[in-house]
Amino acid sequence: MQSVKRAFLALILSLAFLLTNHGFSNALEVGQPAPDFELDSTKGGKLKLSSLKGKNVLINFYVLDFSPT
């Protein structure tokens, strides 16, 4: 149950971070484009959100929890 709570909290914090321009202020309104960001690719290298413009994008956040259950 503890790991579910941690995963939920991590999801909420991740979404809050992505939907703001500077930390937890200036939240985006519905209908505004997502801010451009760059992440490490699972295939190596970097992947930038703007490189996917015009394509359908699903962003899935998950927690790597290596603690024993």
N, C-alpha and C. Protein backbone atom coordinates (compact mmCIF):
# COMPACT_ATOMS: atom_id res chain seq x y z
N MET A 1 0.82 -1.19 0.00
CA MET A 1 0.00 0.00 0.00
C MET A 1 0.86 1.26 0.00
N GLN A 2 1.99 1.20 0.73
CA GLN A 2 2.90 2.33 0.79
C GLN A 2 3.45 2.67 -0.59
N SER A 3 3.78 1.65 -1.38
CA SER A 3 4.35 1.90 -2.71
C SER A 3 3.30 2.51 -3.63
N VAL A 4 2.04 2.17 -3.47
CA VAL A 4 0.96 2.77 -4.27
C VAL A 4 0.84 4.25 -3.95
N LYS A 5 0.93 4.59 -2.66
CA LYS A 5 0.86 5.99 -2.25
C LYS A 5 2.04 6.77 -2.82
N ARG A 6 3.23 6.17 -2.75
CA ARG A 6 4.42 6.84 -3.30
C ARG A 6 4.30 7.03 -4.80
N ALA A 7 3.79 6.03 -5.51
CA ALA A 7 3.63 6.12 -6.95
C ALA A 7 2.63 7.22 -7.31
N PHE A 8 1.53 7.29 -6.58
CA PHE A 8 0.52 8.32 -6.83
C PHE A 8 1.10 9.70 -6.58
N LEU A 9 1.83 9.88 -5.49
CA LEU A 9 2.45 11.16 -5.19
C LEU A 9 3.46 11.55 -6.26
N ALA A 10 4.25 10.60 -6.71
CA ALA A 10 5.23 10.87 -7.76
C ALA A 10 4.54 11.29 -9.05
N LEU A 11 3.42 10.65 -9.38
CA LEU A 11 2.67 11.02 -10.58
C LEU A 11 2.14 12.44 -10.47
N ILE A 12 1.55 12.78 -9.36
CA ILE A 12 1.00 14.12 -9.16
C ILE A 12 2.11 15.17 -9.23
N LEU A 13 3.22 14.93 -8.57
CA LEU A 13 4.32 15.89 -8.60
C LEU A 13 4.93 16.02 -9.99
N SER A 14 5.04 14.91 -10.71
CA SER A 14 5.57 14.96 -12.07
C SER A 14 4.67 15.77 -12.99
N LEU A 15 3.38 15.54 -12.89
CA LEU A 15 2.43 16.30 -13.71
C LEU A 15 2.46 17.78 -13.35
N ALA A 16 2.52 18.08 -12.07
CA ALA A 16 2.58 19.48 -11.65
C ALA A 16 3.84 20.15 -12.19
N PHE A 17 4.96 19.44 -12.16
CA PHE A 17 6.20 20.00 -12.67
C PHE A 17 6.12 20.26 -14.17
N LEU A 18 5.58 19.31 -14.93
CA LEU A 18 5.51 19.47 -16.37
C LEU A 18 4.52 20.54 -16.80
N LEU A 19 3.50 20.76 -16.02
CA LEU A 19 2.46 21.72 -16.39
C LEU A 19 2.76 23.13 -15.90
N THR A 20 3.94 23.36 -15.41
CA THR A 20 4.33 24.69 -14.97
C THR A 20 5.58 25.13 -15.70
N ASN A 21 5.77 26.44 -15.74
CA ASN A 21 6.95 26.98 -16.41
C ASN A 21 8.13 27.11 -15.46
N HIS A 22 7.86 27.43 -14.20
CA HIS A 22 8.93 27.66 -13.22
C HIS A 22 8.54 27.01 -11.90
N GLY A 23 8.86 25.75 -11.73
CA GLY A 23 8.52 25.07 -10.49
C GLY A 23 7.03 24.86 -10.38
N PHE A 24 6.41 25.42 -9.33
CA PHE A 24 4.99 25.22 -9.10
C PHE A 24 4.20 26.51 -9.26
N SER A 25 4.65 27.41 -10.10
CA SER A 25 3.89 28.63 -10.38
C SER A 25 3.58 28.70 -11.86
N ASN A 26 2.69 29.58 -12.24
CA ASN A 26 2.31 29.78 -13.65
C ASN A 26 1.78 28.50 -14.30
N ALA A 27 0.83 27.86 -13.67
CA ALA A 27 0.25 26.63 -14.24
C ALA A 27 -0.39 26.93 -15.58
N LEU A 28 -0.33 25.98 -16.48
CA LEU A 28 -0.94 26.12 -17.80
C LEU A 28 -2.45 25.99 -17.69
N GLU A 29 -3.12 26.62 -18.61
CA GLU A 29 -4.57 26.50 -18.70
C GLU A 29 -4.90 25.38 -19.69
N VAL A 30 -6.10 24.85 -19.58
CA VAL A 30 -6.55 23.81 -20.51
C VAL A 30 -6.51 24.38 -21.92
N GLY A 31 -5.98 23.60 -22.84
CA GLY A 31 -5.90 24.02 -24.24
C GLY A 31 -4.56 24.61 -24.63
N GLN A 32 -3.73 24.98 -23.65
CA GLN A 32 -2.41 25.50 -23.98
C GLN A 32 -1.47 24.35 -24.33
N PRO A 33 -0.52 24.60 -25.22
CA PRO A 33 0.42 23.53 -25.56
C PRO A 33 1.34 23.21 -24.38
N ALA A 34 1.78 21.98 -24.32
CA ALA A 34 2.71 21.56 -23.27
C ALA A 34 4.06 22.26 -23.48
N PRO A 35 4.77 22.57 -22.42
CA PRO A 35 6.09 23.17 -22.58
C PRO A 35 7.05 22.14 -23.18
N ASP A 36 8.00 22.63 -23.96
CA ASP A 36 8.97 21.74 -24.57
C ASP A 36 9.94 21.24 -23.50
N PHE A 37 10.25 19.97 -23.52
CA PHE A 37 11.21 19.40 -22.58
C PHE A 37 11.98 18.30 -23.27
N GLU A 38 13.10 17.91 -22.67
CA GLU A 38 13.98 16.90 -23.23
C GLU A 38 14.23 15.82 -22.19
N LEU A 39 14.16 14.57 -22.62
CA LEU A 39 14.39 13.42 -21.74
C LEU A 39 15.36 12.45 -22.38
N ASP A 40 15.97 11.60 -21.56
CA ASP A 40 16.81 10.54 -22.08
C ASP A 40 15.92 9.51 -22.77
N SER A 41 16.31 9.08 -23.94
CA SER A 41 15.57 8.07 -24.69
C SER A 41 15.92 6.68 -24.18
N THR A 42 14.96 5.77 -24.26
CA THR A 42 15.25 4.39 -23.88
C THR A 42 16.15 3.70 -24.90
N LYS A 43 16.30 4.32 -26.07
CA LYS A 43 17.16 3.76 -27.12
C LYS A 43 18.50 4.47 -27.17
N GLY A 44 18.78 5.29 -26.17
CA GLY A 44 20.02 6.06 -26.13
C GLY A 44 19.81 7.43 -26.73
N GLY A 45 20.57 8.39 -26.29
CA GLY A 45 20.44 9.75 -26.79
C GLY A 45 19.35 10.50 -26.06
N LYS A 46 18.94 11.61 -26.64
CA LYS A 46 17.93 12.48 -26.04
C LYS A 46 16.71 12.53 -26.95
N LEU A 47 15.55 12.78 -26.36
CA LEU A 47 14.31 12.94 -27.10
C LEU A 47 13.66 14.23 -26.63
N LYS A 48 13.35 15.11 -27.58
CA LYS A 48 12.74 16.40 -27.27
C LYS A 48 11.29 16.37 -27.70
N LEU A 49 10.41 16.89 -26.85
CA LEU A 49 8.98 16.89 -27.15
C LEU A 49 8.70 17.59 -28.48
N SER A 50 9.38 18.68 -28.76
CA SER A 50 9.13 19.43 -29.99
C SER A 50 9.45 18.61 -31.24
N SER A 51 10.29 17.59 -31.13
CA SER A 51 10.61 16.75 -32.29
C SER A 51 9.44 15.85 -32.67
N LEU A 52 8.44 15.75 -31.81
CA LEU A 52 7.27 14.91 -32.06
C LEU A 52 6.05 15.71 -32.48
N LYS A 53 6.25 16.98 -32.80
CA LYS A 53 5.13 17.85 -33.17
C LYS A 53 4.36 17.26 -34.35
N GLY A 54 3.03 17.25 -34.23
CA GLY A 54 2.18 16.71 -35.27
C GLY A 54 1.88 15.23 -35.11
N LYS A 55 2.50 14.59 -34.14
CA LYS A 55 2.27 13.17 -33.89
C LYS A 55 1.48 13.01 -32.59
N ASN A 56 0.79 11.89 -32.45
CA ASN A 56 0.12 11.59 -31.19
C ASN A 56 1.17 11.16 -30.17
N VAL A 57 1.10 11.73 -28.98
CA VAL A 57 2.09 11.45 -27.94
C VAL A 57 1.37 11.05 -26.66
N LEU A 58 1.77 9.95 -26.09
CA LEU A 58 1.28 9.51 -24.78
C LEU A 58 2.46 9.56 -23.83
N ILE A 59 2.32 10.33 -22.75
CA ILE A 59 3.38 10.42 -21.76
C ILE A 59 2.96 9.59 -20.56
N ASN A 60 3.74 8.58 -20.25
CA ASN A 60 3.44 7.67 -19.16
C ASN A 60 4.50 7.84 -18.08
N PHE A 61 4.07 8.22 -16.89
CA PHE A 61 4.98 8.38 -15.77
C PHE A 61 4.87 7.16 -14.87
N TYR A 62 5.99 6.64 -14.44
CA TYR A 62 5.97 5.52 -13.52
C TYR A 62 7.15 5.64 -12.57
N VAL A 63 7.05 4.96 -11.47
CA VAL A 63 8.08 5.02 -10.44
C VAL A 63 8.86 3.71 -10.44
N LEU A 64 10.16 3.84 -10.44
CA LEU A 64 11.00 2.66 -10.26
C LEU A 64 11.19 2.50 -8.76
N ASP A 65 10.50 1.57 -8.18
CA ASP A 65 10.55 1.38 -6.75
C ASP A 65 11.24 0.05 -6.47
N PHE A 66 12.46 0.14 -6.01
CA PHE A 66 13.24 -1.07 -5.75
C PHE A 66 13.18 -1.50 -4.29
N SER A 67 12.28 -0.87 -3.51
CA SER A 67 12.19 -1.27 -2.11
C SER A 67 11.37 -2.56 -2.00
N PRO A 68 11.66 -3.38 -0.99
CA PRO A 68 10.89 -4.62 -0.84
C PRO A 68 9.45 -4.32 -0.46
N THR A 69 8.53 -5.14 -0.94
CA THR A 69 7.12 -4.91 -0.63
C THR A 69 6.67 -5.78 0.51
